[in-house]
PDB file of N, CA and C in Angstrom:
ATOM      1  N   MET A   1     124.420  10.507-181.830  1.00  0.00           N
ATOM      2  CA  MET A   1     123.125   9.942-181.483  1.00  0.00           C
ATOM      3  C   MET A   1     122.050  10.557-182.366  1.00  0.00           C
ATOM      4  N   GLY A   2     121.125   9.753-182.815  1.00  0.00           N
ATOM      5  CA  GLY A   2     120.076  10.227-183.707  1.00  0.00           C
ATOM      6  C   GLY A   2     118.983  10.991-182.969  1.00  0.00           C
ATOM      7  N   ARG A   3     118.172  11.611-183.742  1.00  0.00           N
ATOM      8  CA  ARG A   3     117.052  12.384-183.214  1.00  0.00           C
ATOM      9  C   ARG A   3     115.975  11.434-182.686  1.00  0.00           C
ATOM     10  N   ASP A   4     115.309  11.808-181.605  1.00  0.00           N
ATOM     11  CA  ASP A   4     114.196  11.034-181.061  1.00  0.00           C
ATOM     12  C   ASP A   4     112.982  11.298-181.958  1.00  0.00           C
ATOM     13  N   ILE A   5     112.612  10.314-182.765  1.00  0.00           N
ATOM     14  CA  ILE A   5     111.557  10.512-183.753  1.00  0.00           C
ATOM     15  C   ILE A   5     110.206  10.812-183.111  1.00  0.00           C
ATOM     16  N   ASP A   6     109.943  10.240-181.937  1.00  0.00           N
ATOM     17  CA  ASP A   6     108.671  10.505-181.267  1.00  0.00           C
ATOM     18  C   ASP A   6     108.590  11.961-180.796  1.00  0.00           C
ATOM     19  N   GLU A   7     109.685  12.464-180.268  1.00  0.00           N
ATOM     20  CA  GLU A   7     109.724  13.865-179.840  1.00  0.00           C
ATOM     21  C   GLU A   7     109.599  14.788-181.047  1.00  0.00           C
ATOM     22  N   TYR A   8     110.327  14.469-182.114  1.00  0.00           N
ATOM     23  CA  TYR A   8     110.271  15.269-183.335  1.00  0.00           C
ATOM     24  C   TYR A   8     108.847  15.285-183.880  1.00  0.00           C
ATOM     25  N   ARG A   9     108.226  14.102-183.951  1.00  0.00           N
ATOM     26  CA  ARG A   9     106.857  13.992-184.474  1.00  0.00           C
ATOM     27  C   ARG A   9     105.889  14.816-183.633  1.00  0.00           C
ATOM     28  N   SER A  10     106.029  14.751-182.326  1.00  0.00           N
ATOM     29  CA  SER A  10     105.155  15.513-181.437  1.00  0.00           C
ATOM     30  C   SER A  10     105.296  17.019-181.695  1.00  0.00           C
ATOM     31  N   GLY A  11     106.525  17.480-181.820  1.00  0.00           N
ATOM     32  CA  GLY A  11     106.760  18.893-182.115  1.00  0.00           C
ATOM     33  C   GLY A  11     106.252  19.277-183.487  1.00  0.00           C
ATOM     34  N   TYR A  12     106.436  18.381-184.451  1.00  0.00           N
ATOM     35  CA  TYR A  12     105.989  18.650-185.823  1.00  0.00           C
ATOM     36  C   TYR A  12     104.471  18.783-185.863  1.00  0.00           C
ATOM     37  N   GLU A  13     103.779  17.876-185.187  1.00  0.00           N
ATOM     38  CA  GLU A  13     102.316  17.937-185.148  1.00  0.00           C
ATOM     39  C   GLU A  13     101.843  19.231-184.467  1.00  0.00           C
ATOM     40  N   ALA A  14     102.511  19.607-183.386  1.00  0.00           N
ATOM     41  CA  ALA A  14     102.154  20.857-182.706  1.00  0.00           C
ATOM     42  C   ALA A  14     102.400  22.049-183.621  1.00  0.00           C
ATOM     43  N   GLY A  15     103.482  22.014-184.360  1.00  0.00           N
ATOM     44  CA  GLY A  15     103.805  23.102-185.272  1.00  0.00           C
ATOM     45  C   GLY A  15     102.812  23.217-186.417  1.00  0.00           C
ATOM     46  N   LYS A  16     102.314  22.084-186.904  1.00  0.00           N
ATOM     47  CA  LYS A  16     101.320  22.106-187.979  1.00  0.00           C
ATOM     48  C   LYS A  16     100.029  22.755-187.505  1.00  0.00           C
ATOM     49  N   ASP A  17      99.720  22.586-186.234  1.00  0.00           N
ATOM     50  CA  ASP A  17      98.487  23.124-185.669  1.00  0.00           C
ATOM     51  C   ASP A  17      98.665  24.517-185.073  1.00  0.00           C
ATOM     52  N   ALA A  18      99.878  25.043-185.133  1.00  0.00           N
ATOM     53  CA  ALA A  18     100.169  26.340-184.512  1.00  0.00           C
ATOM     54  C   ALA A  18      99.408  27.458-185.218  1.00  0.00           C
ATOM     55  N   SER A  19      99.065  28.438-184.440  1.00  0.00           N
ATOM     56  CA  SER A  19      98.410  29.615-185.004  1.00  0.00           C
ATOM     57  C   SER A  19      98.962  30.854-184.319  1.00  0.00           C
ATOM     58  N   VAL A  20      98.774  31.967-184.943  1.00  0.00           N
ATOM     59  CA  VAL A  20      99.263  33.224-184.382  1.00  0.00           C
ATOM     60  C   VAL A  20      98.592  33.496-183.036  1.00  0.00           C
ATOM     61  N   LEU A  21      97.335  33.131-182.908  1.00  0.00           N
ATOM     62  CA  LEU A  21      96.607  33.395-181.665  1.00  0.00           C
ATOM     63  C   LEU A  21      97.115  32.552-180.502  1.00  0.00           C
ATOM     64  N   LEU A  22      97.580  31.347-180.788  1.00  0.00           N
ATOM     65  CA  LEU A  22      98.046  30.460-179.725  1.00  0.00           C
ATOM     66  C   LEU A  22      99.542  30.594-179.454  1.00  0.00           C
ATOM     67  N   ALA A  23     100.255  31.312-180.275  1.00  0.00           N
ATOM     68  CA  ALA A  23     101.710  31.407-180.150  1.00  0.00           C
ATOM     69  C   ALA A  23     102.176  31.779-178.742  1.00  0.00           C
ATOM     70  N   PRO A  24     101.578  32.780-178.096  1.00  0.00           N
ATOM     71  CA  PRO A  24     102.054  33.097-176.735  1.00  0.00           C
ATOM     72  C   PRO A  24     101.864  31.954-175.746  1.00  0.00           C
ATOM     73  N   LEU A  25     100.793  31.194-175.898  1.00  0.00           N
ATOM     74  CA  LEU A  25     100.552  30.058-175.002  1.00  0.00           C
ATOM     75  C   LEU A  25     101.525  28.922-175.278  1.00  0.00           C
ATOM     76  N   GLU A  26     101.893  28.752-176.551  1.00  0.00           N
ATOM     77  CA  GLU A  26     102.801  27.668-176.924  1.00  0.00           C
ATOM     78  C   GLU A  26     104.250  27.998-176.611  1.00  0.00           C
ATOM     79  N   ALA A  27     104.563  29.250-176.380  1.00  0.00           N
ATOM     80  CA  ALA A  27     105.946  29.658-176.129  1.00  0.00           C
ATOM     81  C   ALA A  27     106.516  28.948-174.903  1.00  0.00           C
ATOM     82  N   ALA A  28     105.743  28.823-173.853  1.00  0.00           N
ATOM     83  CA  ALA A  28     106.219  28.146-172.643  1.00  0.00           C
ATOM     84  C   ALA A  28     106.503  26.678-172.929  1.00  0.00           C
ATOM     85  N   ASP A  29     105.621  26.037-173.694  1.00  0.00           N
ATOM     86  CA  ASP A  29     105.840  24.633-174.066  1.00  0.00           C
ATOM     87  C   ASP A  29     107.111  24.507-174.890  1.00  0.00           C
ATOM     88  N   TYR A  30     107.315  25.432-175.812  1.00  0.00           N
ATOM     89  CA  TYR A  30     108.479  25.392-176.687  1.00  0.00           C
ATOM     90  C   TYR A  30     109.768  25.502-175.875  1.00  0.00           C
ATOM     91  N   LEU A  31     109.811  26.428-174.955  1.00  0.00           N
ATOM     92  CA  LEU A  31     111.027  26.673-174.186  1.00  0.00           C
ATOM     93  C   LEU A  31     111.383  25.506-173.269  1.00  0.00           C
ATOM     94  N   SER A  32     110.382  24.781-172.808  1.00  0.00           N
ATOM     95  CA  SER A  32     110.648  23.666-171.897  1.00  0.00           C
ATOM     96  C   SER A  32     110.777  22.326-172.625  1.00  0.00           C
ATOM     97  N   ALA A  33     110.604  22.331-173.938  1.00  0.00           N
ATOM     98  CA  ALA A  33     110.625  21.092-174.711  1.00  0.00           C
ATOM     99  C   ALA A  33     112.054  20.674-175.067  1.00  0.00           C
ATOM    100  N   SER A  34     112.166  19.420-175.484  1.00  0.00           N
ATOM    101  CA  SER A  34     113.465  18.893-175.904  1.00  0.00           C
ATOM    102  C   SER A  34     113.888  19.541-177.223  1.00  0.00           C
ATOM    103  N   GLU A  35     115.167  19.436-177.538  1.00  0.00           N
ATOM    104  CA  GLU A  35     115.676  19.977-178.799  1.00  0.00           C
ATOM    105  C   GLU A  35     115.013  19.291-179.990  1.00  0.00           C
ATOM    106  N   ASP A  36     114.732  18.001-179.874  1.00  0.00           N
ATOM    107  CA  ASP A  36     114.099  17.265-180.965  1.00  0.00           C
ATOM    108  C   ASP A  36     112.676  17.782-181.200  1.00  0.00           C
ATOM    109  N   TRP A  37     111.931  18.045-180.123  1.00  0.00           N
ATOM    110  CA  TRP A  37     110.586  18.594-180.236  1.00  0.00           C
ATOM    111  C   TRP A  37     110.650  19.972-180.883  1.00  0.00           C
ATOM    112  N   GLN A  38     111.587  20.798-180.422  1.00  0.00           N
ATOM    113  CA  GLN A  38     111.737  22.143-180.972  1.00  0.00           C
ATOM    114  C   GLN A  38     112.045  22.107-182.464  1.00  0.00           C
ATOM    115  N   LYS A  39     112.914  21.180-182.875  1.00  0.00           N
ATOM    116  CA  LYS A  39     113.270  21.062-184.292  1.00  0.00           C
ATOM    117  C   LYS A  39     112.048  20.673-185.117  1.00  0.00           C
ATOM    118  N   GLY A  40     111.261  19.741-184.635  1.00  0.00           N
ATOM    119  CA  GLY A  40     110.033  19.347-185.337  1.00  0.00           C
ATOM    120  C   GLY A  40     109.061  20.506-185.442  1.00  0.00           C
ATOM    121  N   TYR A  41     108.912  21.244-184.363  1.00  0.00           N
ATOM    122  CA  TYR A  41     108.008  22.398-184.342  1.00  0.00           C
ATOM    123  C   TYR A  41     108.469  23.448-185.355  1.00  0.00           C
ATOM    124  N   GLU A  42     109.762  23.746-185.337  1.00  0.00           N
ATOM    125  CA  GLU A  42     110.314  24.750-186.263  1.00  0.00           C
ATOM    126  C   GLU A  42     110.144  24.314-187.711  1.00  0.00           C
ATOM    127  N   ASP A  43     110.392  23.041-187.992  1.00  0.00           N
ATOM    128  CA  ASP A  43     110.247  22.543-189.360  1.00  0.00           C
ATOM    129  C   ASP A  43     108.802  22.694-189.837  1.00  0.00           C
ATOM    130  N   ALA A  44     107.850  22.332-188.990  1.00  0.00           N
ATOM    131  CA  ALA A  44     106.443  22.407-189.380  1.00  0.00           C
ATOM    132  C   ALA A  44     105.995  23.847-189.595  1.00  0.00           C
ATOM    133  N   THR A  45     106.370  24.738-188.689  1.00  0.00           N
ATOM    134  CA  THR A  45     105.937  26.125-188.836  1.00  0.00           C
ATOM    135  C   THR A  45     106.631  26.818-190.000  1.00  0.00           C
ATOM    136  N   SER A  46     107.745  26.267-190.440  1.00  0.00           N
ATOM    137  CA  SER A  46     108.455  26.825-191.596  1.00  0.00           C
ATOM    138  C   SER A  46     107.994  26.206-192.914  1.00  0.00           C
ATOM    139  N   GLY A  47     107.084  25.246-192.823  1.00  0.00           N
ATOM    140  CA  GLY A  47     106.562  24.599-194.020  1.00  0.00           C
ATOM    141  C   GLY A  47     107.492  23.540-194.596  1.00  0.00           C
ATOM    142  N   LYS A  48     108.462  23.108-193.805  1.00  0.00           N
ATOM    143  CA  LYS A  48     109.393  22.075-194.273  1.00  0.00           C
ATOM    144  C   LYS A  48     108.729  20.703-194.157  1.00  0.00           C
ATOM    145  N   PRO A  49     109.145  19.752-194.984  1.00  0.00           N
ATOM    146  CA  PRO A  49     108.578  18.403-194.898  1.00  0.00           C
ATOM    147  C   PRO A  49     109.041  17.694-193.617  1.00  0.00           C
ATOM    148  N   PHE A  50     108.296  16.691-193.232  1.00  0.00           N
ATOM    149  CA  PHE A  50     108.642  15.877-192.067  1.00  0.00           C
ATOM    150  C   PHE A  50     109.963  15.179-192.338  1.00  0.00           C
ATOM    151  N   ASP A  51     110.988  15.517-191.561  1.00  0.00           N
ATOM    152  CA  ASP A  51     112.325  14.935-191.757  1.00  0.00           C
ATOM    153  C   ASP A  51     113.056  14.896-190.426  1.00  0.00           C
ATOM    154  N   PRO A  52     112.928  13.793-189.687  1.00  0.00           N
ATOM    155  CA  PRO A  52     113.567  13.714-188.375  1.00  0.00           C
ATOM    156  C   PRO A  52     115.041  13.398-188.412  1.00  0.00           C
ATOM    157  N   SER A  53     115.659  13.441-189.587  1.00  0.00           N
ATOM    158  CA  SER A  53     117.097  13.170-189.650  1.00  0.00           C
ATOM    159  C   SER A  53     117.860  14.212-188.840  1.00  0.00           C
ATOM    160  N   ASP A  54     119.059  13.880-188.474  1.00  0.00           N
ATOM    161  CA  ASP A  54     119.847  14.721-187.555  1.00  0.00           C
ATOM    162  C   ASP A  54     120.703  15.736-188.299  1.00  0.00           C
ATOM    163  N   ASP A  55     120.164  16.336-189.348  1.00  0.00           N
ATOM    164  CA  ASP A  55     120.918  17.313-190.143  1.00  0.00           C
ATOM    165  C   ASP A  55     120.726  18.716-189.628  1.00  0.00           C
TER     166      ASP A  55
END
């Protein structure tokens, strides 16, 4: 099954806006989020391009 692009996009957008000051507040959201959201968030905070493929 492929990645949910909407969940990935939501996580990616959150990751692009992430900051060190907000990290503790975002941790709860991260832990309760879907795997697709988490992957998008991780990609954005790592500076990776938007890529919702299931790799």
